[in-house]
Amino acid sequence: MNEEVFNQQIRKFLKKVGITSQREIEKAVRERIAARQLSDPGALQARMTLHVPELDLTVEIDDEIALE
């Protein structure tokens, strides 16, 4: 295994996940606010699941996203 290539590929994957996730969350929040369907705009509970079947790896990350 080439450690440098492996590290670069992980960073590339995480960057893609981060950018895509941020875009989708922002879009959903704006849509809900516009439709007046967001009851408590103070914070959102969020969960991200990382699953790598070949490694039998599943990790869940829970956190809160503050809106104000």
PDB file of N, CA and C in Angstrom:
ATOM      1  N   MET A   1       0.847  -1.173   0.000  1.00  0.00           N
ATOM      2  CA  MET A   1       0.000   0.000   0.000  1.00  0.00           C
ATOM      3  C   MET A   1       0.897   1.242   0.000  1.00  0.00           C
ATOM      4  N   ASN A   2       0.533   2.203  -0.821  1.00  0.00           N
ATOM      5  CA  ASN A   2       1.243   3.470  -0.874  1.00  0.00           C
ATOM      6  C   ASN A   2       0.554   4.433   0.092  1.00  0.00           C
ATOM      7  N   GLU A   3       1.202   4.734   1.205  1.00  0.00           N
ATOM      8  CA  GLU A   3       0.610   5.571   2.249  1.00  0.00           C
ATOM      9  C   GLU A   3       0.225   6.958   1.736  1.00  0.00           C
ATOM     10  N   GLU A   4       1.064   7.526   0.896  1.00  0.00           N
ATOM     11  CA  GLU A   4       0.794   8.874   0.388  1.00  0.00           C
ATOM     12  C   GLU A   4      -0.453   8.891  -0.496  1.00  0.00           C
ATOM     13  N   VAL A   5      -0.567   7.926  -1.395  1.00  0.00           N
ATOM     14  CA  VAL A   5      -1.740   7.831  -2.266  1.00  0.00           C
ATOM     15  C   VAL A   5      -2.988   7.559  -1.431  1.00  0.00           C
ATOM     16  N   PHE A   6      -2.866   6.640  -0.493  1.00  0.00           N
ATOM     17  CA  PHE A   6      -3.985   6.296   0.379  1.00  0.00           C
ATOM     18  C   PHE A   6      -4.483   7.531   1.132  1.00  0.00           C
ATOM     19  N   ASN A   7      -3.559   8.287   1.728  1.00  0.00           N
ATOM     20  CA  ASN A   7      -3.914   9.494   2.471  1.00  0.00           C
ATOM     21  C   ASN A   7      -4.577  10.516   1.564  1.00  0.00           C
ATOM     22  N   GLN A   8      -4.058  10.708   0.373  1.00  0.00           N
ATOM     23  CA  GLN A   8      -4.638  11.652  -0.585  1.00  0.00           C
ATOM     24  C   GLN A   8      -6.057  11.236  -0.977  1.00  0.00           C
ATOM     25  N   GLN A   9      -6.260   9.961  -1.178  1.00  0.00           N
ATOM     26  CA  GLN A   9      -7.577   9.468  -1.573  1.00  0.00           C
ATOM     27  C   GLN A   9      -8.597   9.627  -0.450  1.00  0.00           C
ATOM     28  N   ILE A  10      -8.174   9.397   0.784  1.00  0.00           N
ATOM     29  CA  ILE A  10      -9.074   9.610   1.922  1.00  0.00           C
ATOM     30  C   ILE A  10      -9.453  11.083   2.011  1.00  0.00           C
ATOM     31  N   ARG A  11      -8.475  11.958   1.871  1.00  0.00           N
ATOM     32  CA  ARG A  11      -8.749  13.398   1.940  1.00  0.00           C
ATOM     33  C   ARG A  11      -9.685  13.837   0.807  1.00  0.00           C
ATOM     34  N   LYS A  12      -9.486  13.281  -0.373  1.00  0.00           N
ATOM     35  CA  LYS A  12     -10.344  13.596  -1.517  1.00  0.00           C
ATOM     36  C   LYS A  12     -11.780  13.156  -1.230  1.00  0.00           C
ATOM     37  N   PHE A  13     -11.935  11.952  -0.695  1.00  0.00           N
ATOM     38  CA  PHE A  13     -13.260  11.436  -0.348  1.00  0.00           C
ATOM     39  C   PHE A  13     -13.928  12.315   0.709  1.00  0.00           C
ATOM     40  N   LEU A  14     -13.188  12.653   1.775  1.00  0.00           N
ATOM     41  CA  LEU A  14     -13.754  13.461   2.852  1.00  0.00           C
ATOM     42  C   LEU A  14     -14.118  14.863   2.379  1.00  0.00           C
ATOM     43  N   LYS A  15     -13.343  15.424   1.476  1.00  0.00           N
ATOM     44  CA  LYS A  15     -13.668  16.732   0.918  1.00  0.00           C
ATOM     45  C   LYS A  15     -14.980  16.661   0.136  1.00  0.00           C
ATOM     46  N   LYS A  16     -15.127  15.608  -0.657  1.00  0.00           N
ATOM     47  CA  LYS A  16     -16.360  15.420  -1.436  1.00  0.00           C
ATOM     48  C   LYS A  16     -17.560  15.251  -0.506  1.00  0.00           C
ATOM     49  N   VAL A  17     -17.389  14.463   0.542  1.00  0.00           N
ATOM     50  CA  VAL A  17     -18.473  14.259   1.521  1.00  0.00           C
ATOM     51  C   VAL A  17     -18.830  15.580   2.183  1.00  0.00           C
ATOM     52  N   GLY A  18     -17.827  16.345   2.592  1.00  0.00           N
ATOM     53  CA  GLY A  18     -18.066  17.605   3.276  1.00  0.00           C
ATOM     54  C   GLY A  18     -18.783  18.617   2.405  1.00  0.00           C
ATOM     55  N   ILE A  19     -18.317  18.784   1.179  1.00  0.00           N
ATOM     56  CA  ILE A  19     -18.918  19.757   0.274  1.00  0.00           C
ATOM     57  C   ILE A  19     -20.345  19.361  -0.074  1.00  0.00           C
ATOM     58  N   THR A  20     -20.549  18.093  -0.404  1.00  0.00           N
ATOM     59  CA  THR A  20     -21.886  17.616  -0.764  1.00  0.00           C
ATOM     60  C   THR A  20     -22.839  17.732   0.418  1.00  0.00           C
ATOM     61  N   SER A  21     -22.393  17.339   1.589  1.00  0.00           N
ATOM     62  CA  SER A  21     -23.232  17.399   2.785  1.00  0.00           C
ATOM     63  C   SER A  21     -23.635  18.831   3.098  1.00  0.00           C
ATOM     64  N   GLN A  22     -22.677  19.750   3.048  1.00  0.00           N
ATOM     65  CA  GLN A  22     -22.986  21.144   3.346  1.00  0.00           C
ATOM     66  C   GLN A  22     -24.006  21.693   2.360  1.00  0.00           C
ATOM     67  N   ARG A  23     -23.805  21.406   1.087  1.00  0.00           N
ATOM     68  CA  ARG A  23     -24.718  21.893   0.046  1.00  0.00           C
ATOM     69  C   ARG A  23     -26.141  21.370   0.283  1.00  0.00           C
ATOM     70  N   GLU A  24     -26.264  20.089   0.574  1.00  0.00           N
ATOM     71  CA  GLU A  24     -27.584  19.479   0.762  1.00  0.00           C
ATOM     72  C   GLU A  24     -28.280  19.992   2.022  1.00  0.00           C
ATOM     73  N   ILE A  25     -27.533  20.175   3.109  1.00  0.00           N
ATOM     74  CA  ILE A  25     -28.122  20.690   4.336  1.00  0.00           C
ATOM     75  C   ILE A  25     -28.589  22.125   4.135  1.00  0.00           C
ATOM     76  N   GLU A  26     -27.747  22.952   3.522  1.00  0.00           N
ATOM     77  CA  GLU A  26     -28.127  24.343   3.275  1.00  0.00           C
ATOM     78  C   GLU A  26     -29.378  24.432   2.402  1.00  0.00           C
ATOM     79  N   LYS A  27     -29.429  23.624   1.368  1.00  0.00           N
ATOM     80  CA  LYS A  27     -30.588  23.613   0.466  1.00  0.00           C
ATOM     81  C   LYS A  27     -31.860  23.227   1.220  1.00  0.00           C
ATOM     82  N   ALA A  28     -31.779  22.160   2.006  1.00  0.00           N
ATOM     83  CA  ALA A  28     -32.949  21.685   2.743  1.00  0.00           C
ATOM     84  C   ALA A  28     -33.420  22.715   3.772  1.00  0.00           C
ATOM     85  N   VAL A  29     -32.488  23.353   4.467  1.00  0.00           N
ATOM     86  CA  VAL A  29     -32.855  24.365   5.456  1.00  0.00           C
ATOM     87  C   VAL A  29     -33.549  25.541   4.775  1.00  0.00           C
ATOM     88  N   ARG A  30     -32.976  26.026   3.684  1.00  0.00           N
ATOM     89  CA  ARG A  30     -33.593  27.154   2.972  1.00  0.00           C
ATOM     90  C   ARG A  30     -35.007  26.809   2.480  1.00  0.00           C
ATOM     91  N   GLU A  31     -35.171  25.594   1.942  1.00  0.00           N
ATOM     92  CA  GLU A  31     -36.489  25.170   1.462  1.00  0.00           C
ATOM     93  C   GLU A  31     -37.495  25.109   2.601  1.00  0.00           C
ATOM     94  N   ARG A  32     -37.082  24.561   3.736  1.00  0.00           N
ATOM     95  CA  ARG A  32     -37.991  24.445   4.882  1.00  0.00           C
ATOM     96  C   ARG A  32     -38.344  25.808   5.461  1.00  0.00           C
ATOM     97  N   ILE A  33     -37.377  26.698   5.520  1.00  0.00           N
ATOM     98  CA  ILE A  33     -37.651  28.045   6.014  1.00  0.00           C
ATOM     99  C   ILE A  33     -38.618  28.756   5.073  1.00  0.00           C
ATOM    100  N   ALA A  34     -38.384  28.656   3.778  1.00  0.00           N
ATOM    101  CA  ALA A  34     -39.260  29.300   2.793  1.00  0.00           C
ATOM    102  C   ALA A  34     -40.686  28.765   2.876  1.00  0.00           C
ATOM    103  N   ALA A  35     -40.816  27.476   3.150  1.00  0.00           N
ATOM    104  CA  ALA A  35     -42.142  26.857   3.240  1.00  0.00           C
ATOM    105  C   ALA A  35     -42.725  26.956   4.656  1.00  0.00           C
ATOM    106  N   ARG A  36     -42.002  27.615   5.541  1.00  0.00           N
ATOM    107  CA  ARG A  36     -42.408  27.760   6.943  1.00  0.00           C
ATOM    108  C   ARG A  36     -42.647  26.397   7.597  1.00  0.00           C
ATOM    109  N   GLN A  37     -41.767  25.458   7.301  1.00  0.00           N
ATOM    110  CA  GLN A  37     -41.894  24.103   7.843  1.00  0.00           C
ATOM    111  C   GLN A  37     -40.804  23.768   8.855  1.00  0.00           C
ATOM    112  N   LEU A  38     -40.015  24.742   9.211  1.00  0.00           N
ATOM    113  CA  LEU A  38     -38.958  24.508  10.196  1.00  0.00           C
ATOM    114  C   LEU A  38     -39.436  25.084  11.520  1.00  0.00           C
ATOM    115  N   SER A  39     -39.880  24.208  12.423  1.00  0.00           N
ATOM    116  CA  SER A  39     -40.535  24.664  13.645  1.00  0.00           C
ATOM    117  C   SER A  39     -39.581  25.327  14.633  1.00  0.00           C
ATOM    118  N   ASP A  40     -38.377  24.820  14.792  1.00  0.00           N
ATOM    119  CA  ASP A  40     -37.413  25.399  15.735  1.00  0.00           C
ATOM    120  C   ASP A  40     -36.125  25.696  14.981  1.00  0.00           C
ATOM    121  N   PRO A  41     -35.965  26.931  14.506  1.00  0.00           N
ATOM    122  CA  PRO A  41     -34.791  27.249  13.706  1.00  0.00           C
ATOM    123  C   PRO A  41     -33.514  27.442  14.513  1.00  0.00           C
ATOM    124  N   GLY A  42     -33.522  27.136  15.812  1.00  0.00           N
ATOM    125  CA  GLY A  42     -32.339  27.329  16.645  1.00  0.00           C
ATOM    126  C   GLY A  42     -31.216  26.357  16.347  1.00  0.00           C
ATOM    127  N   ALA A  43     -31.543  25.073  16.194  1.00  0.00           N
ATOM    128  CA  ALA A  43     -30.520  24.056  15.958  1.00  0.00           C
ATOM    129  C   ALA A  43     -31.144  22.812  15.340  1.00  0.00           C
ATOM    130  N   LEU A  44     -30.322  22.069  14.643  1.00  0.00           N
ATOM    131  CA  LEU A  44     -30.748  20.819  14.020  1.00  0.00           C
ATOM    132  C   LEU A  44     -29.901  19.676  14.554  1.00  0.00           C
ATOM    133  N   GLN A  45     -30.541  18.561  14.832  1.00  0.00           N
ATOM    134  CA  GLN A  45     -29.792  17.360  15.193  1.00  0.00           C
ATOM    135  C   GLN A  45     -29.345  16.692  13.898  1.00  0.00           C
ATOM    136  N   ALA A  46     -28.101  16.288  13.829  1.00  0.00           N
ATOM    137  CA  ALA A  46     -27.587  15.685  12.605  1.00  0.00           C
ATOM    138  C   ALA A  46     -26.827  14.392  12.925  1.00  0.00           C
ATOM    139  N   ARG A  47     -26.905  13.469  11.985  1.00  0.00           N
ATOM    140  CA  ARG A  47     -26.165  12.204  12.109  1.00  0.00           C
ATOM    141  C   ARG A  47     -25.556  11.884  10.753  1.00  0.00           C
ATOM    142  N   MET A  48     -24.283  11.557  10.778  1.00  0.00           N
ATOM    143  CA  MET A  48     -23.570  11.147   9.570  1.00  0.00           C
ATOM    144  C   MET A  48     -23.131   9.700   9.788  1.00  0.00           C
ATOM    145  N   THR A  49     -23.398   8.867   8.802  1.00  0.00           N
ATOM    146  CA  THR A  49     -22.991   7.475   8.883  1.00  0.00           C
ATOM    147  C   THR A  49     -21.952   7.194   7.812  1.00  0.00           C
ATOM    148  N   LEU A  50     -20.816   6.676   8.246  1.00  0.00           N
ATOM    149  CA  LEU A  50     -19.753   6.249   7.340  1.00  0.00           C
ATOM    150  C   LEU A  50     -19.794   4.726   7.297  1.00  0.00           C
ATOM    151  N   HIS A  51     -19.908   4.195   6.105  1.00  0.00           N
ATOM    152  CA  HIS A  51     -19.972   2.738   5.964  1.00  0.00           C
ATOM    153  C   HIS A  51     -19.005   2.297   4.871  1.00  0.00           C
ATOM    154  N   VAL A  52     -18.083   1.428   5.240  1.00  0.00           N
ATOM    155  CA  VAL A  52     -17.127   0.851   4.285  1.00  0.00           C
ATOM    156  C   VAL A  52     -17.290  -0.659   4.381  1.00  0.00           C
ATOM    157  N   PRO A  53     -18.109  -1.245   3.486  1.00  0.00           N
ATOM    158  CA  PRO A  53     -18.419  -2.669   3.589  1.00  0.00           C
ATOM    159  C   PRO A  53     -17.191  -3.594   3.575  1.00  0.00           C
ATOM    160  N   GLU A  54     -16.215  -3.277   2.737  1.00  0.00           N
ATOM    161  CA  GLU A  54     -15.032  -4.144   2.637  1.00  0.00           C
ATOM    162  C   GLU A  54     -14.240  -4.214   3.938  1.00  0.00           C
ATOM    163  N   LEU A  55     -14.402  -3.227   4.790  1.00  0.00           N
ATOM    164  CA  LEU A  55     -13.697  -3.206   6.075  1.00  0.00           C
ATOM    165  C   LEU A  55     -14.613  -3.576   7.237  1.00  0.00           C
ATOM    166  N   ASP A  56     -15.871  -3.866   6.935  1.00  0.00           N
ATOM    167  CA  ASP A  56     -16.871  -4.129   7.966  1.00  0.00           C
ATOM    168  C   ASP A  56     -16.865  -2.979   8.980  1.00  0.00           C
ATOM    169  N   LEU A  57     -16.845  -1.753   8.437  1.00  0.00           N
ATOM    170  CA  LEU A  57     -16.739  -0.550   9.247  1.00  0.00           C
ATOM    171  C   LEU A  57     -17.992   0.296   9.103  1.00  0.00           C
ATOM    172  N   THR A  58     -18.607   0.599  10.224  1.00  0.00           N
ATOM    173  CA  THR A  58     -19.726   1.530  10.261  1.00  0.00           C
ATOM    174  C   THR A  58     -19.506   2.447  11.452  1.00  0.00           C
ATOM    175  N   VAL A  59     -19.479   3.751  11.187  1.00  0.00           N
ATOM    176  CA  VAL A  59     -19.270   4.743  12.234  1.00  0.00           C
ATOM    177  C   VAL A  59     -20.368   5.789  12.109  1.00  0.00           C
ATOM    178  N   GLU A  60     -21.019   6.097  13.217  1.00  0.00           N
ATOM    179  CA  GLU A  60     -22.031   7.142  13.233  1.00  0.00           C
ATOM    180  C   GLU A  60     -21.508   8.316  14.045  1.00  0.00           C
ATOM    181  N   ILE A  61     -21.698   9.504  13.496  1.00  0.00           N
ATOM    182  CA  ILE A  61     -21.279  10.729  14.164  1.00  0.00           C
ATOM    183  C   ILE A  61     -22.518  11.577  14.368  1.00  0.00           C
ATOM    184  N   ASP A  62     -22.825  11.886  15.624  1.00  0.00           N
ATOM    185  CA  ASP A  62     -23.990  12.701  15.961  1.00  0.00           C
ATOM    186  C   ASP A  62     -23.500  14.057  16.438  1.00  0.00           C
ATOM    187  N   ASP A  63     -24.212  15.095  16.029  1.00  0.00           N
ATOM    188  CA  ASP A  63     -23.880  16.437  16.468  1.00  0.00           C
ATOM    189  C   ASP A  63     -25.064  17.355  16.252  1.00  0.00           C
ATOM    190  N   GLU A  64     -24.910  18.563  16.674  1.00  0.00           N
ATOM    191  CA  GLU A  64     -25.956  19.566  16.531  1.00  0.00           C
ATOM    192  C   GLU A  64     -25.429  20.670  15.609  1.00  0.00           C
ATOM    193  N   ILE A  65     -26.290  21.150  14.715  1.00  0.00           N
ATOM    194  CA  ILE A  65     -25.934  22.245  13.824  1.00  0.00           C
ATOM    195  C   ILE A  65     -26.758  23.448  14.240  1.00  0.00           C
ATOM    196  N   ALA A  66     -26.094  24.458  14.768  1.00  0.00           N
ATOM    197  CA  ALA A  66     -26.777  25.675  15.204  1.00  0.00           C
ATOM    198  C   ALA A  66     -27.113  26.530  13.986  1.00  0.00           C
ATOM    199  N   LEU A  67     -28.298  27.112  13.978  1.00  0.00           N
ATOM    200  CA  LEU A  67     -28.717  27.988  12.903  1.00  0.00           C
ATOM    201  C   LEU A  67     -28.636  29.460  13.298  1.00  0.00           C
ATOM    202  N   GLU A  68     -28.565  29.713  14.550  1.00  0.00           N
ATOM    203  CA  GLU A  68     -28.485  31.100  15.043  1.00  0.00           C
ATOM    204  C   GLU A  68     -27.404  31.205  16.076  1.00  0.00           C
TER     205      GLU A  68
END
